């Protein structure tokens, strides 16, 4: 770029280059008028580098008066000598944006008003025909990160560049995990996050167990409000409050081109205030909300009810509301009510919902009152449910019956996984299961562990054996209060179940049952089993004797592929017995 070509004195040209830095390559250099207060105009030199726009004084030595990144150029009020000069300047801005952010349409330039409109058409044609240089790893993230660092006056970290260009690229991951960089300064995290505003490669942003600073929260919100590629956002246990939910909803509303469909804000104190402001924004997401995790966010049934109103306009498939409580200084803890949640979901989330997690929530049902019909109706009407987790909900027997009958009459569901562990079902619940479970055709995985079933297991296992759809069964931690004479009957029923010809059972868990030497009854039966491929007997303290029985079973069983047997008080001798048995099976 010569002074003669630019009609700029050589000494001024050299001074401009010194001012912006000798390492900066200038692609455009023009004399312009800068509008200042009123109608006053001041002469300036406009210099355009691949990543920056400079305005400099016209006297030697030239001084930089303004400097902005081409990706965040907000407002420059300039007068160029001709329309052609203006079009050339805008064209260079657009092509530079294409080089820095491959795949990004230069028409992200806001308020591009040119008359006649054919000028915009010509620019668009120019940009469409422009072929950017090879982007580099991960959509040219490192180049964009360098530009952001330059703009924010933050040191460029070679470590970040190496991690993205090497590790992320080798794993072909589209998820940028800020957890990988939390050992760096907060301003480094700001720059890394800011690069996602226009990066076209990464579609997921996540960080867990790290308290976000106010400015990092704001930067994440800017990504949400600008990115047209971000599909999944996880901010788990990051110290967020209800005010973040308000700002998050505002950011979503500012981005009509957002493709965000998966959101996890788990383990943050959003409360009902946050749920209320989120509901309207979530319902307007263009692709439709698919996965939402608001577990342990201090929601009450009121907040969930408001949220559920927006679910009807979404394609929600995964919903996790487990572990929600509403705490106060002078009030008791009220846990999320399962009945109210299901009643709310019934009004809007039947079509797409596949995963429902309400673990550790409670029922506010009182015995003697009529059980709400909406609970059964929800499970009988759901069209896509595949995973239901009601673990730790103290499911009442009336609720258990409604749940099972609802599933039994639902002809739309297949391969349902039902977790009702830790619900204190005891004898009453066992009787309900006995009366219903045999005829339910759509449950393939059932977890009834830790329910105090004890001796009732003897009869229950008989009815479970009559069910021809259950392939995965977990019954551990149900043997702590069973008498020795009754334990034998329970184990015999279990043996009959797993040795039954044409048994559908492929996976069995007896974890943490502390059966000790009695576990050998089950282990001896493995030799005659032709269906089990997965067995979990961890936490049973079976000792070396049990290890010897397991070793014998493994020598004749040809179906088992996985055996989990840690925490069994086995010595080196027991380990050696099992190892020798496995060698014989090879």
Protein backbone atom coordinates (compact mmCIF):
# COMPACT_ATOMS: atom_id res chain seq x y z
CA UNK A 1 0.00 0.00 0.00
CA UNK A 2 1.84 3.08 -1.28
CA UNK A 3 1.32 6.70 -0.32
CA UNK A 4 0.83 7.62 -4.00
CA UNK A 5 -2.06 5.18 -4.40
CA UNK A 6 -3.78 6.57 -1.33
CA UNK A 7 -3.11 10.26 -1.89
CA UNK A 8 -1.61 10.32 1.60
CA UNK A 9 1.78 11.84 2.37
CA UNK A 10 4.45 9.18 2.87
CA UNK A 11 5.40 10.47 6.30
CA UNK A 12 1.75 10.29 7.44
CA UNK A 13 1.40 6.78 6.04
CA UNK A 14 4.49 5.67 7.94
CA UNK A 15 3.23 7.39 11.07
CA UNK A 16 -0.16 5.62 10.78
CA UNK A 17 1.63 2.27 10.48
CA UNK A 18 3.72 3.07 13.55
CA UNK A 19 0.60 4.04 15.49
CA UNK A 20 -1.33 0.85 14.78
CA UNK A 21 1.75 -1.36 15.00
CA UNK A 22 4.20 -2.55 12.38
CA UNK A 23 2.84 -6.12 12.68
CA UNK A 24 -0.70 -5.01 11.71
CA UNK A 25 -1.49 -5.40 8.02
CA UNK A 26 -3.72 -2.58 6.73
CA UNK A 27 -6.07 -3.42 3.86
CA UNK A 28 -7.90 -0.07 3.58
CA UNK A 29 -6.65 3.45 4.27
CA UNK A 30 -8.83 6.46 3.50
CA UNK A 31 -9.34 10.09 4.46
CA UNK A 32 -12.75 10.59 6.07
CA UNK A 33 -14.74 13.18 7.98
CA UNK A 34 -15.81 12.28 11.51
CA UNK A 35 -19.07 13.75 12.76
CA UNK A 36 -18.67 15.24 16.22
CA UNK A 37 -20.93 17.55 18.22
CA UNK A 38 -23.58 19.24 16.15
CA UNK A 39 -22.69 19.49 12.46
CA UNK A 40 -19.00 19.83 13.14
CA UNK A 41 -16.69 17.60 11.08
CA UNK A 42 -13.12 16.65 11.83
CA UNK A 43 -10.61 15.10 9.43
CA UNK A 44 -9.49 11.59 10.21
CA UNK A 45 -7.61 8.72 8.65
CA UNK A 46 -9.70 5.53 8.44
CA UNK A 47 -7.52 2.42 8.58
CA UNK A 48 -8.98 -1.07 8.28
CA UNK A 49 -7.01 -4.13 9.39
CA UNK A 50 -8.29 -7.73 9.04
CA UNK A 51 -9.63 -7.61 12.61
CA UNK A 52 -9.86 -3.93 13.57
CA UNK A 53 -11.10 -0.53 12.45
CA UNK A 54 -8.85 2.41 13.37
CA UNK A 55 -9.53 6.15 13.31
CA UNK A 56 -6.39 8.28 13.50
CA UNK A 57 -5.45 11.93 13.46
CA UNK A 58 -4.23 13.42 10.19
CA UNK A 59 -1.13 15.00 11.69
CA UNK A 60 2.28 13.49 12.19
CA UNK A 61 2.76 11.78 14.54
CA UNK A 62 -0.59 10.05 13.95
CA UNK A 63 -2.48 9.02 17.03
CA UNK A 64 -5.26 6.42 17.31
CA UNK A 65 -8.47 8.15 18.45
CA UNK A 66 -10.81 5.17 18.09
CA UNK A 67 -10.26 1.46 17.64
CA UNK A 68 -12.92 -1.27 17.46
CA UNK A 69 -13.05 -4.94 16.47
CA UNK A 70 -14.85 -5.59 13.18
CA UNK A 71 -17.09 -8.14 14.96
CA UNK A 72 -18.32 -5.68 17.57
CA UNK A 73 -18.26 -2.44 15.63
CA UNK A 74 -21.26 -0.64 17.15
CA UNK A 75 -21.37 2.89 15.78
CA UNK A 76 -19.02 5.00 13.68
CA UNK A 77 -20.50 8.20 12.27
CA UNK A 78 -18.34 8.86 9.21
CA UNK A 79 -18.62 10.68 5.91
CA UNK A 80 -16.69 9.19 3.04
CA UNK A 81 -16.03 11.02 -0.18
CA UNK A 82 -18.30 8.85 -2.35
CA UNK A 83 -20.81 6.01 -2.33
CA UNK A 84 -18.17 3.80 -3.89
CA UNK A 85 -15.77 4.48 -1.05
CA UNK A 86 -18.52 3.63 1.44
CA UNK A 87 -19.38 0.41 -0.40
CA UNK A 88 -15.72 -0.60 -0.57
CA UNK A 89 -15.34 -0.01 3.16
CA UNK A 90 -18.46 -2.06 4.00
CA UNK A 91 -17.38 -4.81 1.59
CA UNK A 92 -14.02 -5.09 3.34
CA UNK A 93 -15.75 -5.21 6.73
CA UNK A 94 -17.96 -8.06 5.49
CA UNK A 95 -15.15 -10.12 3.97
CA UNK A 96 -13.07 -9.65 7.11
CA UNK A 97 -15.99 -10.91 9.19
CA UNK A 98 -16.17 -13.96 6.92
CA UNK A 99 -12.47 -14.63 7.45
CA UNK A 100 -12.65 -14.31 11.23
CA UNK A 101 -16.01 -16.08 11.62
CA UNK A 102 -16.29 -18.69 8.83
CA UNK A 103 -19.90 -19.47 7.98
CA UNK A 104 -21.26 -16.24 9.46
CA UNK A 105 -23.34 -14.11 7.10
CA UNK A 106 -21.86 -10.58 6.96
CA UNK A 107 -25.41 -9.22 7.06
CA UNK A 108 -25.16 -9.58 10.82
CA UNK A 109 -24.06 -5.97 10.35
CA UNK A 110 -27.04 -4.22 11.89
CA UNK A 111 -28.89 -1.26 10.37
CA UNK A 112 -27.19 -1.49 7.00
CA UNK A 113 -29.21 1.15 5.15
CA UNK A 114 -28.02 1.97 1.66
CA UNK A 115 -29.81 3.75 -1.15
CA UNK A 116 -30.55 2.59 -3.70
CA UNK A 117 -31.17 -0.93 -2.34
CA UNK A 118 -29.21 -2.39 -5.28
CA UNK A 119 -26.07 -1.46 -3.38
CA UNK A 120 -26.98 -3.95 -0.64
CA UNK A 121 -27.73 -6.60 -3.28
CA UNK A 122 -24.32 -6.06 -4.84
CA UNK A 123 -22.61 -6.39 -1.48
CA UNK A 124 -24.53 -9.57 -0.71
CA UNK A 125 -23.51 -11.04 -4.07
CA UNK A 126 -19.89 -10.11 -3.39
CA UNK A 127 -19.95 -11.81 0.02
CA UNK A 128 -21.70 -14.92 -1.33
CA UNK A 129 -19.04 -15.31 -4.00
CA UNK A 130 -16.20 -14.75 -1.57
CA UNK A 131 -14.43 -17.92 -0.49
CA UNK A 132 -12.75 -17.46 2.90
CA UNK A 133 -9.42 -19.05 3.63
CA UNK A 134 -9.46 -22.39 5.45
CA UNK A 135 -11.08 -21.82 8.83
CA UNK A 136 -8.74 -23.93 10.90
CA UNK A 137 -9.65 -26.26 13.79
CA UNK A 138 -13.08 -25.98 15.41
CA UNK A 139 -14.41 -23.39 13.00
CA UNK A 140 -11.42 -21.11 13.42
CA UNK A 141 -12.07 -20.67 17.14
CA UNK A 142 -8.48 -19.74 17.97
CA UNK A 143 -8.39 -16.95 15.39
CA UNK A 144 -11.63 -15.50 16.71
CA UNK A 145 -10.36 -15.94 20.28
CA UNK A 146 -7.23 -13.97 19.35
CA UNK A 147 -9.38 -11.12 17.95
CA UNK A 148 -11.49 -11.07 21.11
CA UNK A 149 -8.38 -11.00 23.32
CA UNK A 150 -7.06 -8.11 21.26
CA UNK A 151 -10.35 -6.23 21.58
CA UNK A 152 -10.66 -6.85 25.33
CA UNK A 153 -6.98 -6.17 25.99
CA UNK A 154 -6.62 -9.65 27.50
CA UNK A 155 -3.47 -11.79 27.06
CA UNK A 156 -3.81 -14.45 24.38
CA UNK A 157 -3.37 -17.81 26.11
CA UNK A 158 -1.49 -20.40 24.07
CA UNK A 159 -2.90 -23.01 26.43
CA UNK A 160 -6.44 -22.24 25.32
CA UNK A 161 -5.44 -22.38 21.66
CA UNK A 162 -3.67 -25.73 22.16
CA UNK A 163 -6.54 -27.30 24.09
CA UNK A 164 -9.10 -26.34 21.46
CA UNK A 165 -6.99 -27.00 18.37
CA UNK A 166 -5.62 -30.30 19.70
CA UNK A 167 -7.78 -31.94 22.39
CA UNK A 168 -11.20 -30.65 21.33
CA UNK A 169 -10.43 -31.30 17.68
CA UNK A 170 -9.19 -34.85 18.29
CA UNK A 171 -12.37 -35.65 20.23
CA UNK A 172 -14.52 -33.97 17.58
CA UNK A 173 -16.53 -32.34 20.35
CA UNK A 174 -18.96 -29.50 19.80
CA UNK A 175 -19.18 -28.69 23.52
CA UNK A 176 -17.02 -25.93 24.98
CA UNK A 177 -16.56 -26.80 28.65
CA UNK A 178 -15.48 -23.76 30.66
CA UNK A 179 -14.58 -26.22 33.41
CA UNK A 180 -11.40 -26.91 31.44
CA UNK A 181 -10.23 -23.34 31.96
CA UNK A 182 -11.40 -22.30 35.44
CA UNK A 183 -7.78 -22.31 36.66
CA UNK A 184 -7.25 -19.21 34.49
CA UNK A 185 -8.18 -15.64 35.43
CA UNK A 186 -11.78 -14.49 35.20
CA UNK A 187 -10.94 -12.16 32.30
CA UNK A 188 -9.58 -15.17 30.38
CA UNK A 189 -12.94 -16.92 30.84
CA UNK A 190 -14.63 -13.76 29.56
CA UNK A 191 -12.59 -13.83 26.35
CA UNK A 192 -13.14 -17.57 25.81
CA UNK A 193 -16.89 -17.17 26.28
CA UNK A 194 -17.08 -14.05 24.12
CA UNK A 195 -15.61 -15.99 21.20
CA UNK A 196 -18.78 -18.09 21.14
CA UNK A 197 -20.91 -15.12 20.14
CA UNK A 198 -19.97 -15.66 16.50
CA UNK A 199 -18.21 -19.03 16.41
CA UNK A 200 -20.05 -21.43 14.11
CA UNK A 201 -18.54 -24.68 15.44
CA UNK A 202 -19.45 -25.03 19.10
CA UNK A 203 -23.13 -25.73 19.77
CA UNK A 204 -22.85 -26.47 23.51
CA UNK A 205 -21.59 -24.38 26.42
CA UNK A 206 -21.25 -25.86 29.90
CA UNK A 207 -19.81 -25.19 33.34
CA UNK A 208 -20.51 -26.95 36.64
CA UNK A 209 -19.70 -26.46 40.31
CA UNK A 210 -18.12 -23.04 39.82
CA UNK A 211 -19.53 -19.74 41.03
CA UNK A 212 -19.87 -17.40 38.09
CA UNK A 213 -18.82 -13.77 38.49
CA UNK A 214 -21.30 -11.05 37.51
CA UNK A 215 -19.35 -10.08 34.38
CA UNK A 216 -19.02 -13.73 33.27
CA UNK A 217 -22.78 -14.17 33.70
CA UNK A 218 -23.32 -11.09 31.55
CA UNK A 219 -20.98 -12.45 28.89
CA UNK A 220 -22.83 -15.78 28.80
CA UNK A 221 -26.07 -13.85 28.41
CA UNK A 222 -24.57 -11.95 25.47
CA UNK A 223 -23.77 -15.28 23.83
CA UNK A 224 -27.38 -16.39 24.38
CA UNK A 225 -28.69 -13.14 22.89
CA UNK A 226 -26.44 -13.26 19.79
CA UNK A 227 -25.46 -16.83 18.93
CA UNK A 228 -27.28 -18.57 16.11
CA UNK A 229 -25.50 -21.87 16.77
CA UNK A 230 -25.80 -22.45 20.52
CA UNK A 231 -28.15 -25.41 21.07
CA UNK A 232 -27.35 -26.54 24.60
CA UNK A 233 -26.50 -24.54 27.73
CA UNK A 234 -25.53 -26.07 31.09
CA UNK A 235 -24.94 -23.84 34.13
CA UNK A 236 -25.08 -26.39 36.95
CA UNK A 237 -24.40 -25.24 40.52
CA UNK A 238 -22.95 -21.89 39.48
CA UNK A 239 -24.44 -19.64 42.16
CA UNK A 240 -27.26 -18.20 40.05
CA UNK A 241 -30.24 -16.41 41.60
CA UNK A 242 -33.72 -15.45 40.40
CA UNK A 243 -32.39 -12.21 38.85
CA UNK A 244 -30.32 -14.31 36.42
CA UNK A 245 -33.51 -16.01 35.25
CA UNK A 246 -34.95 -12.59 34.44
CA UNK A 247 -31.85 -11.58 32.47
CA UNK A 248 -31.76 -14.97 30.76
CA UNK A 249 -35.36 -14.59 29.62
CA UNK A 250 -34.54 -11.12 28.28
CA UNK A 251 -31.52 -12.48 26.38
CA UNK A 252 -33.64 -15.18 24.77
CA UNK A 253 -36.24 -12.64 23.69
CA UNK A 254 -33.52 -10.55 21.99
CA UNK A 255 -32.44 -13.43 19.77
CA UNK A 256 -35.16 -14.42 17.28
CA UNK A 257 -32.66 -16.72 15.54
CA UNK A 258 -31.77 -18.70 18.65
CA UNK A 259 -31.62 -22.49 18.21
CA UNK A 260 -31.29 -23.22 21.94
CA UNK A 261 -33.28 -26.34 22.86
CA UNK A 262 -31.53 -27.87 25.90
CA UNK A 263 -31.15 -25.92 29.15
CA UNK A 264 -29.82 -27.02 32.52
CA UNK A 265 -29.87 -24.56 35.42
CA UNK A 266 -29.80 -27.25 38.10
CA UNK A 267 -28.60 -26.60 41.65
CA UNK A 268 -29.20 -22.84 41.47
CA UNK A 269 -31.58 -20.87 43.69
CA UNK A 270 -33.93 -19.62 40.96
CA UNK A 271 -37.13 -19.96 43.04
CA UNK A 272 -40.63 -19.42 41.70
CA UNK A 273 -39.79 -15.85 40.61
CA UNK A 274 -37.25 -17.23 38.20
CA UNK A 275 -39.64 -19.90 36.91
CA UNK A 276 -42.34 -17.33 36.17
CA UNK A 277 -40.12 -15.14 33.99
CA UNK A 278 -38.55 -18.16 32.28
CA UNK A 279 -41.87 -19.70 31.26
CA UNK A 280 -42.85 -17.15 28.62
CA UNK A 281 -39.35 -17.00 27.11
CA UNK A 282 -39.01 -20.79 26.91
CA UNK A 283 -42.32 -21.13 25.07
CA UNK A 284 -41.03 -18.84 22.31
CA UNK A 285 -37.83 -20.73 21.51
CA UNK A 286 -37.85 -21.21 17.74
CA UNK A 287 -36.89 -24.91 17.53
CA UNK A 288 -38.94 -25.75 20.62
CA UNK A 289 -37.63 -26.63 24.06
CA UNK A 290 -36.56 -30.29 24.22
CA UNK A 291 -34.70 -30.77 27.51
CA UNK A 292 -35.06 -28.79 30.72
CA UNK A 293 -33.27 -29.48 33.99
CA UNK A 294 -34.42 -27.36 36.93
CA UNK A 295 -33.59 -29.87 39.65
CA UNK A 296 -32.75 -28.42 43.06
CA UNK A 297 -33.67 -24.86 42.07
CA UNK A 298 -35.96 -24.10 45.04
CA UNK A 299 -39.16 -24.34 43.02
CA UNK A 300 -42.54 -24.99 44.59
CA UNK A 301 -45.57 -26.46 42.87
CA UNK A 302 -46.66 -22.89 42.07
CA UNK A 303 -43.56 -22.27 39.97
CA UNK A 304 -43.86 -25.61 38.20
CA UNK A 305 -47.50 -24.96 37.44
CA UNK A 306 -46.56 -21.71 35.69
CA UNK A 307 -43.77 -23.45 33.80
CA UNK A 308 -46.07 -26.26 32.70
CA UNK A 309 -48.29 -23.78 30.90
CA UNK A 310 -45.51 -23.17 28.39
CA UNK A 311 -44.81 -26.86 27.80
CA UNK A 312 -47.76 -27.28 25.48
CA UNK A 313 -46.07 -25.09 22.86
CA UNK A 314 -42.74 -26.92 23.10
CA UNK A 315 -41.36 -30.31 22.05
CA UNK A 316 -40.22 -31.13 25.59
CA UNK A 317 -38.76 -34.63 25.87
CA UNK A 318 -36.68 -34.46 29.09
CA UNK A 319 -37.88 -32.79 32.29
CA UNK A 320 -35.96 -32.94 35.57
CA UNK A 321 -37.58 -31.22 38.56
CA UNK A 322 -36.15 -33.49 41.24
CA UNK A 323 -35.06 -32.30 44.66
CA UNK A 324 -36.89 -28.99 44.70
CA UNK A 325 -37.61 -27.25 48.02
CA UNK A 326 -38.82 -23.80 48.96
CA UNK A 327 -37.01 -22.54 52.04
CA UNK A 328 -37.55 -19.50 54.25
CA UNK A 329 -36.27 -18.14 57.53
CA UNK A 330 -39.50 -18.64 59.45
CA UNK A 331 -41.32 -21.27 57.42
CA UNK A 332 -40.88 -25.02 57.15
CA UNK A 333 -39.54 -26.74 54.05
CA UNK A 334 -42.19 -27.51 51.44
CA UNK A 335 -41.14 -30.03 48.87
CA UNK A 336 -42.37 -30.10 45.33
CA UNK A 337 -45.69 -31.92 45.16
CA UNK A 338 -45.76 -34.74 42.60
CA UNK A 339 -49.53 -34.58 42.22
CA UNK A 340 -49.55 -30.91 41.27
CA UNK A 341 -46.68 -31.41 38.84
CA UNK A 342 -48.43 -34.24 37.03
CA UNK A 343 -51.67 -32.28 36.93
CA UNK A 344 -49.81 -29.37 35.35
CA UNK A 345 -47.98 -31.60 32.87
CA UNK A 346 -51.27 -33.20 31.88
CA UNK A 347 -52.31 -29.84 30.43
CA UNK A 348 -49.28 -29.45 28.20
CA UNK A 349 -46.61 -32.14 28.00
CA UNK A 350 -48.17 -35.41 26.86
CA UNK A 351 -46.94 -35.60 23.30
CA UNK A 352 -43.14 -35.40 23.44
CA UNK A 353 -42.11 -35.92 27.08
CA UNK A 354 -39.88 -39.01 27.33
CA UNK A 355 -37.99 -38.49 30.62
CA UNK A 356 -39.70 -37.34 33.84
CA UNK A 357 -37.55 -37.04 36.96
CA UNK A 358 -39.33 -36.04 40.16
CA UNK A 359 -37.00 -37.82 42.57
CA UNK A 360 -37.17 -36.78 46.24
CA UNK A 361 -40.36 -34.84 45.75
CA UNK A 362 -43.39 -35.64 47.92
CA UNK A 363 -47.11 -36.36 47.77
CA UNK A 364 -49.38 -34.05 49.75
CA UNK A 365 -52.11 -36.68 49.65
CA UNK A 366 -53.90 -37.48 52.91
CA UNK A 367 -55.33 -40.91 53.52
CA UNK A 368 -59.10 -41.08 53.47
CA UNK A 369 -59.44 -38.50 50.71
CA UNK A 370 -60.11 -39.33 47.09
CA UNK A 371 -56.87 -39.69 45.14
CA UNK A 372 -56.63 -37.12 42.30
CA UNK A 373 -57.60 -38.71 38.98
CA UNK A 374 -55.15 -36.48 37.10
CA UNK A 375 -52.24 -38.61 38.31
CA UNK A 376 -53.50 -41.81 36.69
CA UNK A 377 -54.74 -39.86 33.69
CA UNK A 378 -51.31 -38.42 33.02
CA UNK A 379 -49.62 -41.83 32.88
CA UNK A 380 -52.44 -43.37 30.85
CA UNK A 381 -52.37 -40.51 28.31
CA UNK A 382 -48.63 -39.85 27.86
CA UNK A 383 -47.51 -40.64 24.33
CA UNK A 384 -43.71 -40.86 24.59
CA UNK A 385 -42.68 -41.55 28.21
CA UNK A 386 -39.70 -43.87 28.49
CA UNK A 387 -38.11 -43.01 31.83
CA UNK A 388 -40.06 -42.26 35.02
CA UNK A 389 -38.13 -41.53 38.22
CA UNK A 390 -40.13 -41.17 41.42
CA UNK A 391 -37.31 -42.32 43.67
CA UNK A 392 -37.54 -41.14 47.28
CA UNK A 393 -41.03 -39.68 46.89
CA UNK A 394 -42.71 -41.77 49.62
CA UNK A 395 -45.22 -42.89 47.04
CA UNK A 396 -48.50 -43.80 48.84
CA UNK A 397 -50.15 -47.09 47.97
CA UNK A 398 -53.03 -45.24 46.28
CA UNK A 399 -50.52 -43.35 44.14
CA UNK A 400 -48.65 -46.55 43.27
CA UNK A 401 -51.90 -48.18 42.18
CA UNK A 402 -52.87 -45.17 40.06
CA UNK A 403 -49.43 -45.13 38.46
CA UNK A 404 -49.43 -48.84 37.61
CA UNK A 405 -53.00 -48.87 36.32
CA UNK A 406 -52.31 -45.79 34.22
CA UNK A 407 -49.31 -47.46 32.60
CA UNK A 408 -51.18 -50.73 32.18
CA UNK A 409 -53.92 -49.15 30.07
CA UNK A 410 -51.56 -46.98 28.01
CA UNK A 411 -51.15 -48.64 24.63
CA UNK A 412 -48.86 -45.90 23.31
CA UNK A 413 -45.88 -46.62 25.55
CA UNK A 414 -43.10 -49.15 25.03
CA UNK A 415 -39.89 -49.93 26.93
CA UNK A 416 -40.66 -47.85 30.03
CA UNK A 417 -38.06 -47.58 32.81
CA UNK A 418 -39.73 -47.07 36.20
CA UNK A 419 -37.74 -46.12 39.30
CA UNK A 420 -39.75 -46.18 42.55
CA UNK A 421 -36.81 -46.98 44.83
CA UNK A 422 -36.70 -45.56 48.36
CA UNK A 423 -40.45 -44.90 48.51
CA UNK A 424 -41.16 -46.83 51.72
CA UNK A 425 -43.69 -49.08 49.98
CA UNK A 426 -43.48 -51.91 52.53
CA UNK A 427 -46.29 -54.49 52.75
CA UNK A 428 -49.06 -52.24 51.41
CA UNK A 429 -47.02 -51.36 48.37
CA UNK A 430 -46.03 -54.99 47.84
CA UNK A 431 -49.67 -55.99 47.70
CA UNK A 432 -50.39 -53.32 45.08
CA UNK A 433 -47.45 -54.53 42.99
CA UNK A 434 -48.59 -58.14 43.28
CA UNK A 435 -52.03 -57.22 42.01
CA UNK A 436 -50.88 -55.15 39.04
CA UNK A 437 -47.36 -55.92 37.86
CA UNK A 438 -47.99 -59.20 36.04
CA UNK A 439 -50.31 -57.59 33.47
CA UNK A 440 -48.31 -54.46 32.64
CA UNK A 441 -46.77 -55.00 29.17
CA UNK A 442 -44.71 -51.82 28.73
CA UNK A 443 -42.34 -51.78 31.73
CA UNK A 444 -38.93 -53.18 30.77
CA UNK A 445 -36.90 -51.82 33.69
CA UNK A 446 -38.13 -51.73 37.30
CA UNK A 447 -36.27 -50.47 40.36
CA UNK A 448 -38.00 -51.25 43.67
CA UNK A 449 -34.88 -51.28 45.83
CA UNK A 450 -34.81 -49.87 49.37
CA UNK A 451 -38.54 -50.16 50.03
CA UNK A 452 -38.64 -52.27 53.21
CA UNK A 453 -40.29 -55.17 51.37
CA UNK A 454 -38.43 -57.84 53.37
CA UNK A 455 -40.44 -61.08 53.69
CA UNK A 456 -43.12 -59.77 51.30
CA UNK A 457 -40.53 -60.30 48.58
CA UNK A 458 -41.29 -64.02 48.62
CA UNK A 459 -44.74 -63.59 47.05
CA UNK A 460 -43.87 -60.47 45.06
CA UNK A 461 -41.09 -62.25 43.18
CA UNK A 462 -43.59 -64.88 42.02
CA UNK A 463 -45.75 -62.18 40.43
CA UNK A 464 -42.74 -60.37 39.01
CA UNK A 465 -41.78 -63.64 37.33
CA UNK A 466 -45.17 -63.70 35.58
CA UNK A 467 -44.42 -60.38 33.88
CA UNK A 468 -42.96 -61.06 30.43
CA UNK A 469 -41.67 -57.57 29.66
CA UNK A 470 -39.35 -56.76 32.59
CA UNK A 471 -35.74 -57.23 31.50
CA UNK A 472 -33.97 -55.20 34.20
CA UNK A 473 -34.86 -55.62 37.86
CA UNK A 474 -33.34 -53.94 40.95
CA UNK A 475 -34.44 -55.30 44.34
CA UNK A 476 -31.46 -54.51 46.59
CA UNK A 477 -31.65 -53.10 50.15
CA UNK A 478 -34.90 -54.95 50.86
CA UNK A 479 -33.53 -57.61 53.21
CA UNK A 480 -32.47 -55.75 56.35
CA UNK A 481 -35.43 -56.69 58.58
CA UNK A 482 -36.15 -60.18 57.35
CA UNK A 483 -35.97 -63.19 59.62
CA UNK A 484 -33.61 -66.03 58.73
CA UNK A 485 -36.43 -68.56 58.18
CA UNK A 486 -38.20 -66.17 55.80
CA UNK A 487 -35.02 -65.19 53.94
CA UNK A 488 -34.67 -68.74 52.64
CA UNK A 489 -38.15 -68.59 51.10
CA UNK A 490 -37.41 -65.25 49.45
CA UNK A 491 -34.17 -66.53 47.93
CA UNK A 492 -35.87 -69.69 46.70
CA UNK A 493 -38.49 -67.52 44.92
CA UNK A 494 -35.68 -65.50 43.36
CA UNK A 495 -33.91 -68.65 42.19
CA UNK A 496 -37.13 -69.93 40.57
CA UNK A 497 -37.51 -66.59 38.82
CA UNK A 498 -34.02 -66.48 37.29
CA UNK A 499 -33.97 -70.18 36.39
CA UNK A 500 -37.33 -70.10 34.69
CA UNK A 501 -37.19 -71.30 31.12
CA UNK A 502 -37.52 -68.45 28.60
CA UNK A 503 -37.14 -65.85 31.37
CA UNK A 504 -36.98 -62.32 29.91
CA UNK A 505 -34.76 -61.11 32.78
CA UNK A 506 -31.39 -59.89 31.48
CA UNK A 507 -30.22 -57.73 34.38
CA UNK A 508 -30.55 -58.22 38.13
CA UNK A 509 -29.32 -56.00 40.97
CA UNK A 510 -29.06 -57.15 44.59
CA UNK A 511 -26.72 -54.30 45.50
CA UNK A 512 -26.20 -53.36 49.16
CA UNK A 513 -28.43 -56.14 50.48
CA UNK A 514 -25.80 -57.50 52.92
CA UNK A 515 -26.86 -61.08 52.30
CA UNK A 516 -23.42 -62.38 53.30
CA UNK A 517 -23.15 -66.18 53.02
CA UNK A 518 -26.84 -66.48 52.03
CA UNK A 519 -25.94 -64.94 48.68
CA UNK A 520 -24.49 -68.32 47.72
CA UNK A 521 -28.06 -69.58 47.15
CA UNK A 522 -28.39 -67.13 44.26
CA UNK A 523 -24.84 -67.71 43.01
CA UNK A 524 -25.38 -71.47 42.81
CA UNK A 525 -28.44 -70.85 40.64
CA UNK A 526 -26.42 -68.94 38.04
CA UNK A 527 -25.18 -72.18 36.57
CA UNK A 528 -28.68 -72.96 35.34
CA UNK A 529 -29.52 -69.45 34.14
CA UNK A 530 -29.74 -68.81 30.42
CA UNK A 531 -30.94 -65.20 30.32
CA UNK A 532 -28.95 -62.99 32.74
CA UNK A 533 -26.18 -60.96 31.13
CA UNK A 534 -25.70 -58.37 33.92
CA UNK A 535 -25.52 -59.05 37.66
CA UNK A 536 -24.85 -56.54 40.46
CA UNK A 537 -24.08 -58.19 43.83
CA UNK A 538 -21.96 -55.36 45.24
CA UNK A 539 -22.21 -54.51 48.93
CA UNK A 540 -23.23 -57.97 50.15
CA UNK A 541 -20.18 -58.88 52.29
CA UNK A 542 -20.19 -62.41 50.87
CA UNK A 543 -16.51 -62.97 51.77
CA UNK A 544 -14.18 -65.59 50.29
CA UNK A 545 -16.86 -68.28 50.51
CA UNK A 546 -19.13 -66.26 48.27
CA UNK A 547 -16.24 -65.57 45.90
CA UNK A 548 -15.65 -69.33 45.59
CA UNK A 549 -19.33 -69.90 44.78
CA UNK A 550 -19.18 -67.11 42.18
CA UNK A 551 -16.06 -68.71 40.67
CA UNK A 552 -17.84 -72.03 40.26
CA UNK A 553 -20.87 -70.39 38.67
CA UNK A 554 -18.73 -68.48 36.18
CA UNK A 555 -17.16 -71.71 34.94
CA UNK A 556 -20.49 -73.03 33.68
CA UNK A 557 -22.48 -69.85 32.94
CA UNK A 558 -22.04 -68.79 29.31
CA UNK A 559 -24.45 -65.82 29.29
CA UNK A 560 -23.13 -63.39 31.89
CA UNK A 561 -21.17 -60.50 30.45
CA UNK A 562 -20.98 -58.13 33.45
CA UNK A 563 -20.68 -58.92 37.15
CA UNK A 564 -20.33 -56.07 39.66
CA UNK A 565 -19.09 -57.46 42.97
CA UNK A 566 -17.14 -54.76 44.84
CA UNK A 567 -17.54 -54.16 48.60
CA UNK A 568 -17.85 -57.85 49.41
CA UNK A 569 -15.06 -58.32 51.99
CA UNK A 570 -13.14 -60.56 49.61
CA UNK A 571 -9.45 -61.27 50.29
CA UNK A 572 -6.68 -61.94 47.79
CA UNK A 573 -7.58 -65.65 47.90
CA UNK A 574 -11.13 -64.93 46.81
CA UNK A 575 -9.93 -62.71 44.00
CA UNK A 576 -7.57 -65.45 42.88
CA UNK A 577 -10.41 -68.01 42.80
CA UNK A 578 -12.52 -65.79 40.55
CA UNK A 579 -9.53 -64.95 38.32
CA UNK A 580 -8.74 -68.65 37.86
CA UNK A 581 -12.37 -69.32 36.93
CA UNK A 582 -12.34 -66.56 34.34
CA UNK A 583 -9.18 -67.95 32.78
CA UNK A 584 -10.91 -71.28 32.29
CA UNK A 585 -13.79 -69.54 30.53
CA UNK A 586 -11.53 -67.97 27.90
